[in-house]
Amino acid sequence: MEDLIKNEPVQRVIKFLALKDNSLKVKFLNNTAKTAKEAADSLKCHEGAIVKSLLLKTEDDFIICLVSGDKRCSLNKLKKTLNKKDISMANAKDVKDKTGFSIGGVSPVAHITKLEVIIDKSLNRFPLIFAAAGHPNSIFEITYKKLVNITNGLEKDVSE
């Protein structure tokens, strides 16, 4: 556990959360939470209460899309919403280069580059949601409203 606390990406999330809202704390799990299903099992919550942070590549930039764990990001809805012709999932190298996180631990906050954040409205079904905090074994609990606030995210209907 101590190694996790010292982990640079986790530290970045801890510092970001402390600056934005002191009540938000990173928690460490005994089991891995690389997937929404694993995270939900570990936290004993609904899979939909898990925030999937997806890096997507547009024709001219990258964006982060936050989607409920029981939904899929609709690239077609996203293209229409953002008026883009081409949107695809980013590869693992781009994820690491743009966010500073590895797949399985991508946080919705504390990215190493400035990224536009799109938040799927389906996440607002839950009073509390859980997001990765820089490592597959670290998460933080947050309300939908606070997530929108700390990410400056655009609320859109982009899931299926």
Protein backbone atom coordinates (compact mmCIF):
# COMPACT_ATOMS: atom_id res chain seq x y z
CA MET A 1 0.00 0.00 0.00
CA GLU A 2 2.82 2.40 0.86
CA ASP A 3 4.29 1.97 -2.63
CA LEU A 4 0.95 3.01 -4.11
CA ILE A 5 0.79 6.21 -2.06
CA LYS A 6 4.24 7.20 -3.36
CA ASN A 7 3.31 6.35 -6.98
CA GLU A 8 3.71 9.59 -9.03
CA PRO A 9 0.38 9.37 -10.93
CA VAL A 10 -1.47 8.65 -7.67
CA GLN A 11 0.32 11.59 -6.00
CA ARG A 12 -0.76 13.83 -8.89
CA VAL A 13 -4.41 12.88 -8.30
CA ILE A 14 -4.11 13.30 -4.50
CA LYS A 15 -2.67 16.81 -4.94
CA PHE A 16 -5.27 17.78 -7.56
CA LEU A 17 -8.16 16.64 -5.36
CA ALA A 18 -6.72 18.43 -2.31
CA LEU A 19 -6.61 21.69 -4.29
CA LYS A 20 -10.15 21.33 -5.65
CA ASP A 21 -12.05 19.85 -2.70
CA ASN A 22 -10.41 18.75 0.54
CA SER A 23 -13.22 16.27 1.24
CA LEU A 24 -12.20 14.13 -1.76
CA LYS A 25 -9.78 11.39 -0.74
CA VAL A 26 -8.02 8.65 -2.67
CA LYS A 27 -8.77 5.15 -1.38
CA PHE A 28 -6.71 2.06 -2.00
CA LEU A 29 -8.20 -1.30 -2.90
CA ASN A 30 -6.80 -4.73 -2.12
CA ASN A 31 -8.06 -6.02 -5.45
CA THR A 32 -7.31 -4.59 -8.86
CA ALA A 33 -9.94 -2.38 -10.47
CA LYS A 34 -8.59 -2.30 -14.04
CA THR A 35 -12.08 -2.80 -15.46
CA ALA A 36 -15.43 -1.35 -14.40
CA LYS A 37 -16.61 -4.86 -13.44
CA GLU A 38 -13.54 -5.48 -11.24
CA ALA A 39 -13.94 -2.07 -9.60
CA ALA A 40 -17.66 -2.63 -8.94
CA ASP A 41 -16.97 -6.08 -7.47
CA SER A 42 -14.22 -4.69 -5.26
CA LEU A 43 -16.36 -1.75 -4.08
CA LYS A 44 -19.58 -3.80 -3.89
CA CYS A 45 -21.44 -1.23 -5.96
CA HIS A 46 -23.37 -1.12 -9.23
CA GLU A 47 -21.11 -1.33 -12.29
CA GLY A 48 -22.77 1.85 -13.59
CA ALA A 49 -21.39 3.81 -10.61
CA ILE A 50 -17.86 3.29 -11.94
CA VAL A 51 -16.47 6.13 -14.08
CA LYS A 52 -14.65 4.92 -17.19
CA SER A 53 -12.14 7.57 -18.32
CA LEU A 54 -11.59 7.06 -22.04
CA LEU A 55 -9.05 8.96 -24.13
CA LEU A 56 -10.35 9.55 -27.62
CA LYS A 57 -8.58 10.91 -30.64
CA THR A 58 -10.34 13.40 -32.89
CA GLU A 59 -9.06 14.61 -36.25
CA ASP A 60 -7.19 17.45 -34.54
CA ASP A 61 -6.87 16.68 -30.84
CA PHE A 62 -7.54 14.34 -27.92
CA ILE A 63 -10.46 14.43 -25.49
CA ILE A 64 -11.38 12.53 -22.33
CA CYS A 65 -14.83 11.01 -22.24
CA LEU A 66 -16.22 9.92 -18.86
CA VAL A 67 -18.79 7.16 -19.21
CA SER A 68 -20.72 4.98 -16.78
CA GLY A 69 -19.22 1.51 -16.25
CA ASP A 70 -22.34 -0.23 -17.55
CA LYS A 71 -22.47 1.82 -20.77
CA ARG A 72 -20.41 2.16 -23.93
CA CYS A 73 -19.23 5.43 -25.39
CA SER A 74 -21.08 5.99 -28.67
CA LEU A 75 -18.55 7.36 -31.15
CA ASN A 76 -21.41 8.31 -33.48
CA LYS A 77 -23.18 10.37 -30.78
CA LEU A 78 -19.86 11.96 -29.87
CA LYS A 79 -19.13 12.88 -33.52
CA LYS A 80 -22.55 14.57 -33.80
CA THR A 81 -22.24 16.29 -30.41
CA LEU A 82 -18.76 17.68 -31.13
CA ASN A 83 -19.32 18.16 -34.87
CA LYS A 84 -16.28 16.03 -35.71
CA LYS A 85 -15.86 13.72 -38.69
CA ASP A 86 -13.40 11.32 -37.09
CA ILE A 87 -13.21 10.08 -33.49
CA SER A 88 -11.52 6.88 -32.38
CA MET A 89 -10.15 5.26 -29.25
CA ALA A 90 -6.58 6.35 -28.50
CA ASN A 91 -3.84 3.73 -28.26
CA ALA A 92 -2.02 2.87 -25.01
CA LYS A 93 1.00 5.05 -25.87
CA ASP A 94 -1.21 8.10 -26.53
CA VAL A 95 -3.09 7.45 -23.29
CA LYS A 96 0.18 7.47 -21.32
CA ASP A 97 1.62 10.46 -23.24
CA LYS A 98 -1.50 12.66 -22.97
CA THR A 99 -2.83 11.75 -19.52
CA GLY A 100 0.26 10.53 -17.68
CA PHE A 101 -1.71 7.43 -16.65
CA SER A 102 -1.63 3.84 -17.85
CA ILE A 103 -4.80 2.12 -19.06
CA GLY A 104 -6.64 0.67 -16.07
CA GLY A 105 -5.76 3.63 -13.85
CA VAL A 106 -6.73 6.65 -15.98
CA SER A 107 -8.19 9.29 -13.72
CA PRO A 108 -10.73 11.86 -14.91
CA VAL A 109 -8.48 14.55 -13.37
CA ALA A 110 -4.80 15.55 -13.07
CA HIS A 111 -3.81 14.85 -16.67
CA ILE A 112 -0.34 15.99 -17.75
CA THR A 113 -1.78 17.82 -20.78
CA LYS A 114 -4.89 20.01 -20.95
CA LEU A 115 -7.76 17.92 -22.30
CA GLU A 116 -11.38 18.73 -22.97
CA VAL A 117 -13.60 16.53 -20.78
CA ILE A 118 -16.98 15.21 -21.90
CA ILE A 119 -19.14 13.64 -19.17
CA ASP A 120 -21.92 11.29 -20.14
CA LYS A 121 -25.15 12.25 -18.38
CA SER A 122 -25.89 8.59 -17.54
CA LEU A 123 -23.44 8.91 -14.61
CA ASN A 124 -25.91 11.18 -12.80
CA ARG A 125 -28.12 8.14 -11.99
CA PHE A 126 -25.99 7.43 -8.92
CA PRO A 127 -25.67 9.47 -5.72
CA LEU A 128 -21.97 8.55 -5.55
CA ILE A 129 -19.64 7.47 -8.32
CA PHE A 130 -16.12 6.04 -8.24
CA ALA A 131 -13.22 7.02 -10.49
CA ALA A 132 -9.68 5.73 -10.95
CA ALA A 133 -6.98 7.67 -9.14
CA GLY A 134 -3.86 7.00 -11.18
CA HIS A 135 -3.44 3.27 -10.54
CA PRO A 136 -5.64 0.16 -10.94
CA ASN A 137 -5.79 -0.21 -7.13
CA SER A 138 -6.66 3.42 -6.29
CA ILE A 139 -10.00 5.19 -6.61
CA PHE A 140 -11.86 8.21 -5.31
CA GLU A 141 -15.54 8.61 -4.52
CA ILE A 142 -17.35 11.70 -5.77
CA THR A 143 -20.80 13.03 -6.63
CA TYR A 144 -21.71 13.62 -10.26
CA LYS A 145 -22.09 17.36 -9.64
CA LYS A 146 -18.62 17.61 -8.06
CA LEU A 147 -17.12 15.60 -10.93
CA VAL A 148 -18.58 18.06 -13.44
CA ASN A 149 -17.28 20.93 -11.34
CA ILE A 150 -13.68 19.76 -10.79
CA THR A 151 -13.21 18.62 -14.42
CA ASN A 152 -14.99 21.59 -16.02
CA GLY A 153 -16.60 18.83 -18.05
CA LEU A 154 -19.30 19.25 -20.66
CA GLU A 155 -22.40 17.20 -19.81
CA LYS A 156 -23.61 15.33 -22.91
CA ASP A 157 -25.56 12.22 -23.88
CA VAL A 158 -22.80 10.14 -25.50
CA SER A 159 -23.42 6.58 -24.33
CA GLU A 160 -25.35 3.57 -25.56
